[in-house]
Amino acid sequence: MRYYQREEVSSIEEIRHPSVRGCLKFLGVDAGIDLVHHGDLPARSGLGSSSTFTVGLLHALYALKNEMPTKRQLAIDAIHIEQDLIKEHVGSQDQTAAAFGGLNRINFGGASEITVQSVILPPSRLEMLESHIMLFFTGFSRTASDIAKEQIKQMPRKKEQLYRMVQLVDDAMDVLLHQGDNLDDFGRLLDEQWRVKKEMTSHISNGDIDRIYEAGIGAGALGGKLLGAGGGGFMLFFVQSEHRERVKKALDHLLYVPARFDHLGSQIIYYSPEDNY
């Protein structure tokens, strides 16, 4: 299914799309441009598509101005646009992941205090990790900013859960880097993380989402989580190879999307300086 949204305007202020309007203002682009965006997966689904769009558009607009920012600058600028200029209640992880690409541990200490540590795995282990991942679209779309707004309000009262989720990152790194050929504990950590995250606010899950999750676990998945802020979108399961078909069958009413890691991040595919802004 395809959705089309078309805007033809004569000034930046008339643009309805907040990210487009914010990016053009941020970089001071006031000449006429023709922008076309294609997406293969539904928006508002927890895959970070909104922030990825912002990062990609920023990258293209920088190139239009004959500038090439670093991946770090792209991430920080996209965070500034979404959080400060267009006032979205969003985190900083999606913009950073989209700009850098790859499998990373990302530490945040503030708006511009971002440390990206590449997680270097042997190709065979990375393929093993990819082979355990299954993505299903729950069929429910939601606005991440609305869900995140409630989470932000609850954070002062949820310190125990936040500290545990940070600890789970260390535990997951240990599994990936040091625990031989078996990744089962990684799936179990995902299960624990999902159950802890649900304690943050009642808006993260609901009866329908819980039934989808329990169906996946009942069919053999070791763990999983709803991607993004919660409330809908894509659900990720961690499944051993011998149980993949059982999980597919248990969730055959949902859209299954094969997934692999991207290792490049945002890229300019074609650049022609003489045609630029």
C-alpha atoms as a PDB file:
ATOM      1  CA  MET A   1       0.000   0.000   0.000  1.00  0.00           C
ATOM      2  CA  ARG A   2       1.339   3.434  -0.930  1.00  0.00           C
ATOM      3  CA  TYR A   3       0.517   6.831   0.519  1.00  0.00           C
ATOM      4  CA  TYR A   4       1.183  10.125  -1.205  1.00  0.00           C
ATOM      5  CA  GLN A   5       1.475  13.559   0.297  1.00  0.00           C
ATOM      6  CA  ARG A   6       2.161  16.448  -2.014  1.00  0.00           C
ATOM      7  CA  GLU A   7       2.902  20.062  -1.164  1.00  0.00           C
ATOM      8  CA  GLU A   8       3.529  22.936  -3.564  1.00  0.00           C
ATOM      9  CA  VAL A   9       4.271  26.164  -1.730  1.00  0.00           C
ATOM     10  CA  SER A  10       5.941  29.495  -2.426  1.00  0.00           C
ATOM     11  CA  SER A  11       7.560  30.042   1.001  1.00  0.00           C
ATOM     12  CA  ILE A  12       9.103  27.975   3.795  1.00  0.00           C
ATOM     13  CA  GLU A  13       6.453  29.146   6.257  1.00  0.00           C
ATOM     14  CA  GLU A  14       3.734  27.508   4.139  1.00  0.00           C
ATOM     15  CA  ILE A  15       5.309  24.034   4.372  1.00  0.00           C
ATOM     16  CA  ARG A  16       3.196  21.737   6.540  1.00  0.00           C
ATOM     17  CA  HIS A  17       5.833  19.035   7.023  1.00  0.00           C
ATOM     18  CA  PRO A  18       7.626  20.132  10.224  1.00  0.00           C
ATOM     19  CA  SER A  19      10.960  18.420   9.527  1.00  0.00           C
ATOM     20  CA  VAL A  20      11.217  19.832   5.992  1.00  0.00           C
ATOM     21  CA  ARG A  21      10.355  23.292   7.258  1.00  0.00           C
ATOM     22  CA  GLY A  22      12.831  22.993  10.140  1.00  0.00           C
ATOM     23  CA  CYS A  23      15.724  21.709   8.003  1.00  0.00           C
ATOM     24  CA  LEU A  24      15.312  24.437   5.393  1.00  0.00           C
ATOM     25  CA  LYS A  25      15.215  27.126   8.072  1.00  0.00           C
ATOM     26  CA  PHE A  26      18.178  25.666   9.947  1.00  0.00           C
ATOM     27  CA  LEU A  27      20.427  25.705   6.887  1.00  0.00           C
ATOM     28  CA  GLY A  28      19.058  28.957   5.485  1.00  0.00           C
ATOM     29  CA  VAL A  29      17.949  27.445   2.179  1.00  0.00           C
ATOM     30  CA  ASP A  30      15.601  29.971   0.580  1.00  0.00           C
ATOM     31  CA  ALA A  31      15.917  29.068  -3.106  1.00  0.00           C
ATOM     32  CA  GLY A  32      13.300  26.894  -4.776  1.00  0.00           C
ATOM     33  CA  ILE A  33      13.861  23.149  -4.439  1.00  0.00           C
ATOM     34  CA  ASP A  34      12.074  20.019  -5.634  1.00  0.00           C
ATOM     35  CA  LEU A  35      12.051  17.320  -2.949  1.00  0.00           C
ATOM     36  CA  VAL A  36      10.846  13.741  -3.518  1.00  0.00           C
ATOM     37  CA  HIS A  37      10.864  11.123  -0.755  1.00  0.00           C
ATOM     38  CA  HIS A  38      10.169   7.399  -1.131  1.00  0.00           C
ATOM     39  CA  GLY A  39       9.706   5.031   1.805  1.00  0.00           C
ATOM     40  CA  ASP A  40       9.116   1.264   1.678  1.00  0.00           C
ATOM     41  CA  LEU A  41       7.750   0.833   5.198  1.00  0.00           C
ATOM     42  CA  PRO A  42       4.909   2.527   7.108  1.00  0.00           C
ATOM     43  CA  ALA A  43       5.640   5.706   9.030  1.00  0.00           C
ATOM     44  CA  ARG A  44       5.076   5.995  12.800  1.00  0.00           C
ATOM     45  CA  SER A  45       6.099   2.370  13.258  1.00  0.00           C
ATOM     46  CA  GLY A  46       9.052   2.523  15.656  1.00  0.00           C
ATOM     47  CA  LEU A  47      11.765   2.106  13.020  1.00  0.00           C
ATOM     48  CA  GLY A  48      13.081   5.636  13.434  1.00  0.00           C
ATOM     49  CA  SER A  49      11.796   6.652  10.016  1.00  0.00           C
ATOM     50  CA  SER A  50      11.047  10.261  11.040  1.00  0.00           C
ATOM     51  CA  SER A  51      14.549  10.896  12.371  1.00  0.00           C
ATOM     52  CA  THR A  52      16.093   9.023   9.448  1.00  0.00           C
ATOM     53  CA  PHE A  53      14.190  11.329   7.118  1.00  0.00           C
ATOM     54  CA  THR A  54      15.514  14.374   8.981  1.00  0.00           C
ATOM     55  CA  VAL A  55      19.105  13.084   8.820  1.00  0.00           C
ATOM     56  CA  GLY A  56      18.843  12.264   5.114  1.00  0.00           C
ATOM     57  CA  LEU A  57      17.269  15.590   4.225  1.00  0.00           C
ATOM     58  CA  LEU A  58      19.885  17.506   6.210  1.00  0.00           C
ATOM     59  CA  HIS A  59      22.645  15.571   4.454  1.00  0.00           C
ATOM     60  CA  ALA A  60      21.190  16.376   1.037  1.00  0.00           C
ATOM     61  CA  LEU A  61      20.730  20.059   1.897  1.00  0.00           C
ATOM     62  CA  TYR A  62      24.313  20.300   3.165  1.00  0.00           C
ATOM     63  CA  ALA A  63      25.486  18.854  -0.164  1.00  0.00           C
ATOM     64  CA  LEU A  64      23.273  21.368  -1.974  1.00  0.00           C
ATOM     65  CA  LYS A  65      25.265  24.071  -0.206  1.00  0.00           C
ATOM     66  CA  ASN A  66      28.573  22.346  -1.160  1.00  0.00           C
ATOM     67  CA  GLU A  67      29.225  21.270   2.422  1.00  0.00           C
ATOM     68  CA  MET A  68      29.863  17.760   3.751  1.00  0.00           C
ATOM     69  CA  PRO A  69      29.238  17.410   7.506  1.00  0.00           C
ATOM     70  CA  THR A  70      30.653  14.647   9.661  1.00  0.00           C
ATOM     71  CA  LYS A  71      28.333  11.888  10.837  1.00  0.00           C
ATOM     72  CA  ARG A  72      28.507  13.365  14.324  1.00  0.00           C
ATOM     73  CA  GLN A  73      27.477  16.800  13.068  1.00  0.00           C
ATOM     74  CA  LEU A  74      24.584  15.294  11.128  1.00  0.00           C
ATOM     75  CA  ALA A  75      23.321  13.549  14.254  1.00  0.00           C
ATOM     76  CA  ILE A  76      23.649  16.618  16.490  1.00  0.00           C
ATOM     77  CA  ASP A  77      21.973  18.905  13.938  1.00  0.00           C
ATOM     78  CA  ALA A  78      19.076  16.479  13.441  1.00  0.00           C
ATOM     79  CA  ILE A  79      18.598  16.215  17.222  1.00  0.00           C
ATOM     80  CA  HIS A  80      18.584  20.018  17.497  1.00  0.00           C
ATOM     81  CA  ILE A  81      16.012  20.378  14.735  1.00  0.00           C
ATOM     82  CA  GLU A  82      13.643  17.751  16.116  1.00  0.00           C
ATOM     83  CA  GLN A  83      13.955  18.583  19.809  1.00  0.00           C
ATOM     84  CA  ASP A  84      14.540  22.351  19.806  1.00  0.00           C
ATOM     85  CA  LEU A  85      13.178  23.773  16.552  1.00  0.00           C
ATOM     86  CA  ILE A  86      10.065  21.719  15.891  1.00  0.00           C
ATOM     87  CA  LYS A  87       9.586  20.746  19.571  1.00  0.00           C
ATOM     88  CA  GLU A  88       9.107  17.010  19.151  1.00  0.00           C
ATOM     89  CA  HIS A  89       9.231  14.839  22.281  1.00  0.00           C
ATOM     90  CA  VAL A  90      11.829  12.472  20.852  1.00  0.00           C
ATOM     91  CA  GLY A  91      15.082  10.933  22.012  1.00  0.00           C
ATOM     92  CA  SER A  92      18.509  11.167  20.403  1.00  0.00           C
ATOM     93  CA  GLN A  93      19.206   7.555  19.483  1.00  0.00           C
ATOM     94  CA  ASP A  94      17.387   7.381  16.133  1.00  0.00           C
ATOM     95  CA  GLN A  95      19.165  10.384  14.649  1.00  0.00           C
ATOM     96  CA  THR A  96      22.545   9.057  15.806  1.00  0.00           C
ATOM     97  CA  ALA A  97      21.907   5.550  14.486  1.00  0.00           C
ATOM     98  CA  ALA A  98      20.741   6.898  11.113  1.00  0.00           C
ATOM     99  CA  ALA A  99      23.767   9.156  10.726  1.00  0.00           C
ATOM    100  CA  PHE A 100      26.416   6.611  11.750  1.00  0.00           C
ATOM    101  CA  GLY A 101      25.009   3.251  10.678  1.00  0.00           C
ATOM    102  CA  GLY A 102      26.483  -0.015  11.887  1.00  0.00           C
ATOM    103  CA  LEU A 103      26.179  -1.883  15.175  1.00  0.00           C
ATOM    104  CA  ASN A 104      27.099   0.554  17.943  1.00  0.00           C
ATOM    105  CA  ARG A 105      26.928   1.256  21.625  1.00  0.00           C
ATOM    106  CA  ILE A 106      25.826   4.883  21.952  1.00  0.00           C
ATOM    107  CA  ASN A 107      26.335   6.757  25.232  1.00  0.00           C
ATOM    108  CA  PHE A 108      24.472  10.017  25.818  1.00  0.00           C
ATOM    109  CA  GLY A 109      25.510  12.639  28.352  1.00  0.00           C
ATOM    110  CA  GLY A 110      23.545  15.604  27.013  1.00  0.00           C
ATOM    111  CA  ALA A 111      22.383  17.240  23.786  1.00  0.00           C
ATOM    112  CA  SER A 112      25.866  17.220  22.241  1.00  0.00           C
ATOM    113  CA  GLU A 113      27.646  14.722  24.511  1.00  0.00           C
ATOM    114  CA  ILE A 114      27.407  11.646  22.327  1.00  0.00           C
ATOM    115  CA  THR A 115      29.927   8.813  22.208  1.00  0.00           C
ATOM    116  CA  VAL A 116      29.545   6.189  19.484  1.00  0.00           C
ATOM    117  CA  GLN A 117      31.482   2.989  20.094  1.00  0.00           C
ATOM    118  CA  SER A 118      31.463   0.502  17.209  1.00  0.00           C
ATOM    119  CA  VAL A 119      30.678  -3.057  18.273  1.00  0.00           C
ATOM    120  CA  ILE A 120      33.108  -5.104  16.195  1.00  0.00           C
ATOM    121  CA  LEU A 121      32.000  -8.697  15.700  1.00  0.00           C
ATOM    122  CA  PRO A 122      33.455 -11.398  13.437  1.00  0.00           C
ATOM    123  CA  PRO A 123      31.352 -11.707  10.244  1.00  0.00           C
ATOM    124  CA  SER A 124      30.092 -15.137  11.271  1.00  0.00           C
ATOM    125  CA  ARG A 125      28.875 -13.827  14.642  1.00  0.00           C
ATOM    126  CA  LEU A 126      27.211 -10.815  13.062  1.00  0.00           C
ATOM    127  CA  GLU A 127      25.420 -13.123  10.621  1.00  0.00           C
ATOM    128  CA  MET A 128      24.343 -15.285  13.558  1.00  0.00           C
ATOM    129  CA  LEU A 129      22.889 -12.237  15.299  1.00  0.00           C
ATOM    130  CA  GLU A 130      21.046 -11.175  12.140  1.00  0.00           C
ATOM    131  CA  SER A 131      19.690 -14.693  11.644  1.00  0.00           C
ATOM    132  CA  HIS A 132      17.985 -14.547  15.059  1.00  0.00           C
ATOM    133  CA  ILE A 133      16.060 -11.324  14.330  1.00  0.00           C
ATOM    134  CA  MET A 134      12.455 -11.297  13.137  1.00  0.00           C
ATOM    135  CA  LEU A 135      10.396  -8.130  12.585  1.00  0.00           C
ATOM    136  CA  PHE A 136       6.606  -7.999  12.523  1.00  0.00           C
ATOM    137  CA  PHE A 137       4.355  -4.985  12.004  1.00  0.00           C
ATOM    138  CA  THR A 138       1.674  -4.954  14.681  1.00  0.00           C
ATOM    139  CA  GLY A 139      -0.712  -3.067  12.409  1.00  0.00           C
ATOM    140  CA  PHE A 140      -0.919  -0.162  14.850  1.00  0.00           C
ATOM    141  CA  SER A 141       0.682   3.168  14.000  1.00  0.00           C
ATOM    142  CA  ARG A 142       1.229   5.842  16.605  1.00  0.00           C
ATOM    143  CA  THR A 143       2.884   9.236  17.072  1.00  0.00           C
ATOM    144  CA  ALA A 144       6.104   8.618  19.008  1.00  0.00           C
ATOM    145  CA  SER A 145       6.181  12.163  20.381  1.00  0.00           C
ATOM    146  CA  ASP A 146       2.870  11.619  22.193  1.00  0.00           C
ATOM    147  CA  ILE A 147       4.072   8.375  23.818  1.00  0.00           C
ATOM    148  CA  ALA A 148       7.485   9.817  24.714  1.00  0.00           C
ATOM    149  CA  LYS A 149       5.914  12.899  26.305  1.00  0.00           C
ATOM    150  CA  GLU A 150       4.275  10.710  28.936  1.00  0.00           C
ATOM    151  CA  GLN A 151       7.499   8.733  29.481  1.00  0.00           C
ATOM    152  CA  ILE A 152       9.408  11.968  30.110  1.00  0.00           C
ATOM    153  CA  LYS A 153       6.868  12.959  32.759  1.00  0.00           C
ATOM    154  CA  GLN A 154       7.263   9.599  34.494  1.00  0.00           C
ATOM    155  CA  MET A 155      11.078   9.450  34.450  1.00  0.00           C
ATOM    156  CA  PRO A 156      11.707  11.083  37.862  1.00  0.00           C
ATOM    157  CA  ARG A 157       9.599   8.316  39.420  1.00  0.00           C
ATOM    158  CA  LYS A 158      11.126   5.484  37.369  1.00  0.00           C
ATOM    159  CA  LYS A 159      14.821   5.693  38.221  1.00  0.00           C
ATOM    160  CA  GLU A 160      15.059   2.037  39.214  1.00  0.00           C
ATOM    161  CA  GLN A 161      13.755   0.937  35.817  1.00  0.00           C
ATOM    162  CA  LEU A 162      16.051   3.368  33.980  1.00  0.00           C
ATOM    163  CA  TYR A 163      19.127   2.149  35.854  1.00  0.00           C
ATOM    164  CA  ARG A 164      18.225  -1.471  35.111  1.00  0.00           C
ATOM    165  CA  MET A 165      17.843  -0.751  31.385  1.00  0.00           C
ATOM    166  CA  VAL A 166      21.312   0.830  31.363  1.00  0.00           C
ATOM    167  CA  GLN A 167      22.703  -2.251  33.121  1.00  0.00           C
ATOM    168  CA  LEU A 168      21.087  -4.464  30.500  1.00  0.00           C
ATOM    169  CA  VAL A 169      23.193  -2.717  27.832  1.00  0.00           C
ATOM    170  CA  ASP A 170      26.362  -3.838  29.642  1.00  0.00           C
ATOM    171  CA  ASP A 171      24.965  -7.350  29.954  1.00  0.00           C
ATOM    172  CA  ALA A 172      24.116  -7.443  26.242  1.00  0.00           C
ATOM    173  CA  MET A 173      27.593  -6.225  25.274  1.00  0.00           C
ATOM    174  CA  ASP A 174      29.085  -9.035  27.358  1.00  0.00           C
ATOM    175  CA  VAL A 175      26.952 -11.616  25.541  1.00  0.00           C
ATOM    176  CA  LEU A 176      27.846 -10.281  22.091  1.00  0.00           C
ATOM    177  CA  LEU A 177      31.569  -9.941  22.707  1.00  0.00           C
ATOM    178  CA  HIS A 178      32.455 -12.728  25.126  1.00  0.00           C
ATOM    179  CA  GLN A 179      29.949 -15.571  25.224  1.00  0.00           C
ATOM    180  CA  GLY A 180      31.169 -17.930  22.531  1.00  0.00           C
ATOM    181  CA  ASP A 181      28.803 -19.229  19.854  1.00  0.00           C
ATOM    182  CA  ASN A 182      25.605 -19.058  21.882  1.00  0.00           C
ATOM    183  CA  LEU A 183      23.495 -15.884  21.705  1.00  0.00           C
ATOM    184  CA  ASP A 184      20.473 -17.205  23.608  1.00  0.00           C
ATOM    185  CA  ASP A 185      21.133 -14.940  26.588  1.00  0.00           C
ATOM    186  CA  PHE A 186      20.829 -11.918  24.291  1.00  0.00           C
ATOM    187  CA  GLY A 187      17.235 -12.890  23.574  1.00  0.00           C
ATOM    188  CA  ARG A 188      16.498 -13.355  27.245  1.00  0.00           C
ATOM    189  CA  LEU A 189      17.904  -9.886  27.968  1.00  0.00           C
ATOM    190  CA  LEU A 190      15.557  -8.433  25.329  1.00  0.00           C
ATOM    191  CA  ASP A 191      12.665 -10.087  27.132  1.00  0.00           C
ATOM    192  CA  GLU A 192      13.705  -8.550  30.441  1.00  0.00           C
ATOM    193  CA  GLN A 193      14.229  -5.132  28.843  1.00  0.00           C
ATOM    194  CA  TRP A 194      10.718  -5.226  27.361  1.00  0.00           C
ATOM    195  CA  ARG A 195       9.137  -6.137  30.671  1.00  0.00           C
ATOM    196  CA  VAL A 196      11.077  -3.371  32.463  1.00  0.00           C
ATOM    197  CA  LYS A 197      10.183  -0.822  29.779  1.00  0.00           C
ATOM    198  CA  LYS A 198       6.477  -1.594  30.147  1.00  0.00           C
ATOM    199  CA  GLU A 199       6.745  -0.427  33.749  1.00  0.00           C
ATOM    200  CA  MET A 200       7.628   3.096  32.577  1.00  0.00           C
ATOM    201  CA  THR A 201       4.074   4.030  31.560  1.00  0.00           C
ATOM    202  CA  SER A 202       0.796   2.326  30.681  1.00  0.00           C
ATOM    203  CA  HIS A 203       0.961   3.872  27.184  1.00  0.00           C
ATOM    204  CA  ILE A 204       3.849   1.651  26.032  1.00  0.00           C
ATOM    205  CA  SER A 205       1.770  -1.491  25.562  1.00  0.00           C
ATOM    206  CA  ASN A 206      -1.842  -2.626  25.511  1.00  0.00           C
ATOM    207  CA  GLY A 207      -3.830  -5.843  25.370  1.00  0.00           C
ATOM    208  CA  ASP A 208      -3.392  -6.345  21.622  1.00  0.00           C
ATOM    209  CA  ILE A 209       0.366  -5.784  21.761  1.00  0.00           C
ATOM    210  CA  ASP A 210       0.722  -8.062  24.788  1.00  0.00           C
ATOM    211  CA  ARG A 211      -1.126 -10.843  22.947  1.00  0.00           C
ATOM    212  CA  ILE A 212       1.208 -10.491  19.939  1.00  0.00           C
ATOM    213  CA  TYR A 213       4.241 -10.661  22.200  1.00  0.00           C
ATOM    214  CA  GLU A 214       3.016 -13.688  24.140  1.00  0.00           C
ATOM    215  CA  ALA A 215       2.134 -15.478  20.865  1.00  0.00           C
ATOM    216  CA  GLY A 216       5.707 -15.003  19.656  1.00  0.00           C
ATOM    217  CA  ILE A 217       7.180 -16.201  22.954  1.00  0.00           C
ATOM    218  CA  GLY A 218       4.782 -19.140  23.030  1.00  0.00           C
ATOM    219  CA  ALA A 219       5.927 -20.181  19.555  1.00  0.00           C
ATOM    220  CA  GLY A 220       9.576 -20.288  20.605  1.00  0.00           C
ATOM    221  CA  ALA A 221      10.987 -16.758  20.592  1.00  0.00           C
ATOM    222  CA  LEU A 222      13.456 -16.209  23.441  1.00  0.00           C
ATOM    223  CA  GLY A 223      12.635 -12.524  23.787  1.00  0.00           C
ATOM    224  CA  GLY A 224      11.744  -9.379  21.961  1.00  0.00           C
ATOM    225  CA  LYS A 225      10.479  -5.847  22.288  1.00  0.00           C
ATOM    226  CA  LEU A 226       8.305  -3.276  20.646  1.00  0.00           C
ATOM    227  CA  LEU A 227      10.529  -0.896  18.702  1.00  0.00           C
ATOM    228  CA  GLY A 228      10.483   2.835  19.303  1.00  0.00           C
ATOM    229  CA  ALA A 229       8.511   4.660  21.953  1.00  0.00           C
ATOM    230  CA  GLY A 230       5.732   2.075  22.247  1.00  0.00           C
ATOM    231  CA  GLY A 231       2.019   2.000  21.581  1.00  0.00           C
ATOM    232  CA  GLY A 232       2.330   0.237  18.216  1.00  0.00           C
ATOM    233  CA  GLY A 233       4.621  -0.104  15.235  1.00  0.00           C
ATOM    234  CA  PHE A 234       7.069  -2.962  14.694  1.00  0.00           C
ATOM    235  CA  MET A 235       7.833  -5.719  17.154  1.00  0.00           C
ATOM    236  CA  LEU A 236      11.230  -7.411  17.110  1.00  0.00           C
ATOM    237  CA  PHE A 237      11.645 -11.025  18.219  1.00  0.00           C
ATOM    238  CA  PHE A 238      14.850 -12.938  18.921  1.00  0.00           C
ATOM    239  CA  VAL A 239      14.292 -16.460  17.609  1.00  0.00           C
ATOM    240  CA  GLN A 240      16.503 -19.527  17.266  1.00  0.00           C
ATOM    241  CA  SER A 241      16.621 -20.880  13.711  1.00  0.00           C
ATOM    242  CA  GLU A 242      14.663 -24.046  14.547  1.00  0.00           C
ATOM    243  CA  HIS A 243      11.696 -21.990  15.789  1.00  0.00           C
ATOM    244  CA  ARG A 244      11.478 -19.329  13.050  1.00  0.00           C
ATOM    245  CA  GLU A 245       8.765 -21.081  11.039  1.00  0.00           C
ATOM    246  CA  ARG A 246       6.689 -21.697  14.165  1.00  0.00           C
ATOM    247  CA  VAL A 247       6.870 -18.005  15.069  1.00  0.00           C
ATOM    248  CA  LYS A 248       5.949 -17.007  11.512  1.00  0.00           C
ATOM    249  CA  LYS A 249       2.937 -19.293  11.608  1.00  0.00           C
ATOM    250  CA  ALA A 250       1.825 -18.024  15.017  1.00  0.00           C
ATOM    251  CA  LEU A 251       1.960 -14.451  13.713  1.00  0.00           C
ATOM    252  CA  ASP A 252       0.869 -15.062  10.112  1.00  0.00           C
ATOM    253  CA  HIS A 253      -1.802 -12.362  10.455  1.00  0.00           C
ATOM    254  CA  LEU A 254       0.972  -9.747  10.744  1.00  0.00           C
ATOM    255  CA  LEU A 255       3.325  -8.327   8.117  1.00  0.00           C
ATOM    256  CA  TYR A 256       6.745 -10.003   8.420  1.00  0.00           C
ATOM    257  CA  VAL A 257       9.695  -7.929   7.181  1.00  0.00           C
ATOM    258  CA  PRO A 258      13.163  -9.532   6.787  1.00  0.00           C
ATOM    259  CA  ALA A 259      15.835  -7.279   8.314  1.00  0.00           C
ATOM    260  CA  ARG A 260      19.593  -6.891   8.155  1.00  0.00           C
ATOM    261  CA  PHE A 261      22.001  -4.349   9.620  1.00  0.00           C
ATOM    262  CA  ASP A 262      23.042  -1.254   7.688  1.00  0.00           C
ATOM    263  CA  HIS A 263      26.747  -0.489   8.037  1.00  0.00           C
ATOM    264  CA  LEU A 264      27.073   2.849   6.226  1.00  0.00           C
ATOM    265  CA  GLY A 265      24.592   5.269   7.746  1.00  0.00           C
ATOM    266  CA  SER A 266      23.473   8.303   5.778  1.00  0.00           C
ATOM    267  CA  GLN A 267      25.163   8.525   2.355  1.00  0.00           C
ATOM    268  CA  ILE A 268      25.185  10.981  -0.551  1.00  0.00           C
ATOM    269  CA  ILE A 269      24.829   8.711  -3.581  1.00  0.00           C
ATOM    270  CA  TYR A 270      25.146  11.317  -6.322  1.00  0.00           C
ATOM    271  CA  TYR A 271      26.841  14.699  -5.979  1.00  0.00           C
ATOM    272  CA  SER A 272      27.202  17.241  -8.794  1.00  0.00           C
ATOM    273  CA  PRO A 273      28.739  20.495  -7.462  1.00  0.00           C
ATOM    274  CA  GLU A 274      28.088  22.564 -10.580  1.00  0.00           C
ATOM    275  CA  ASP A 275      24.326  22.156 -10.164  1.00  0.00           C
ATOM    276  CA  ASN A 276      24.241  23.147  -6.527  1.00  0.00           C
ATOM    277  CA  TYR A 277      22.798  25.957  -4.450  1.00  0.00           C
END
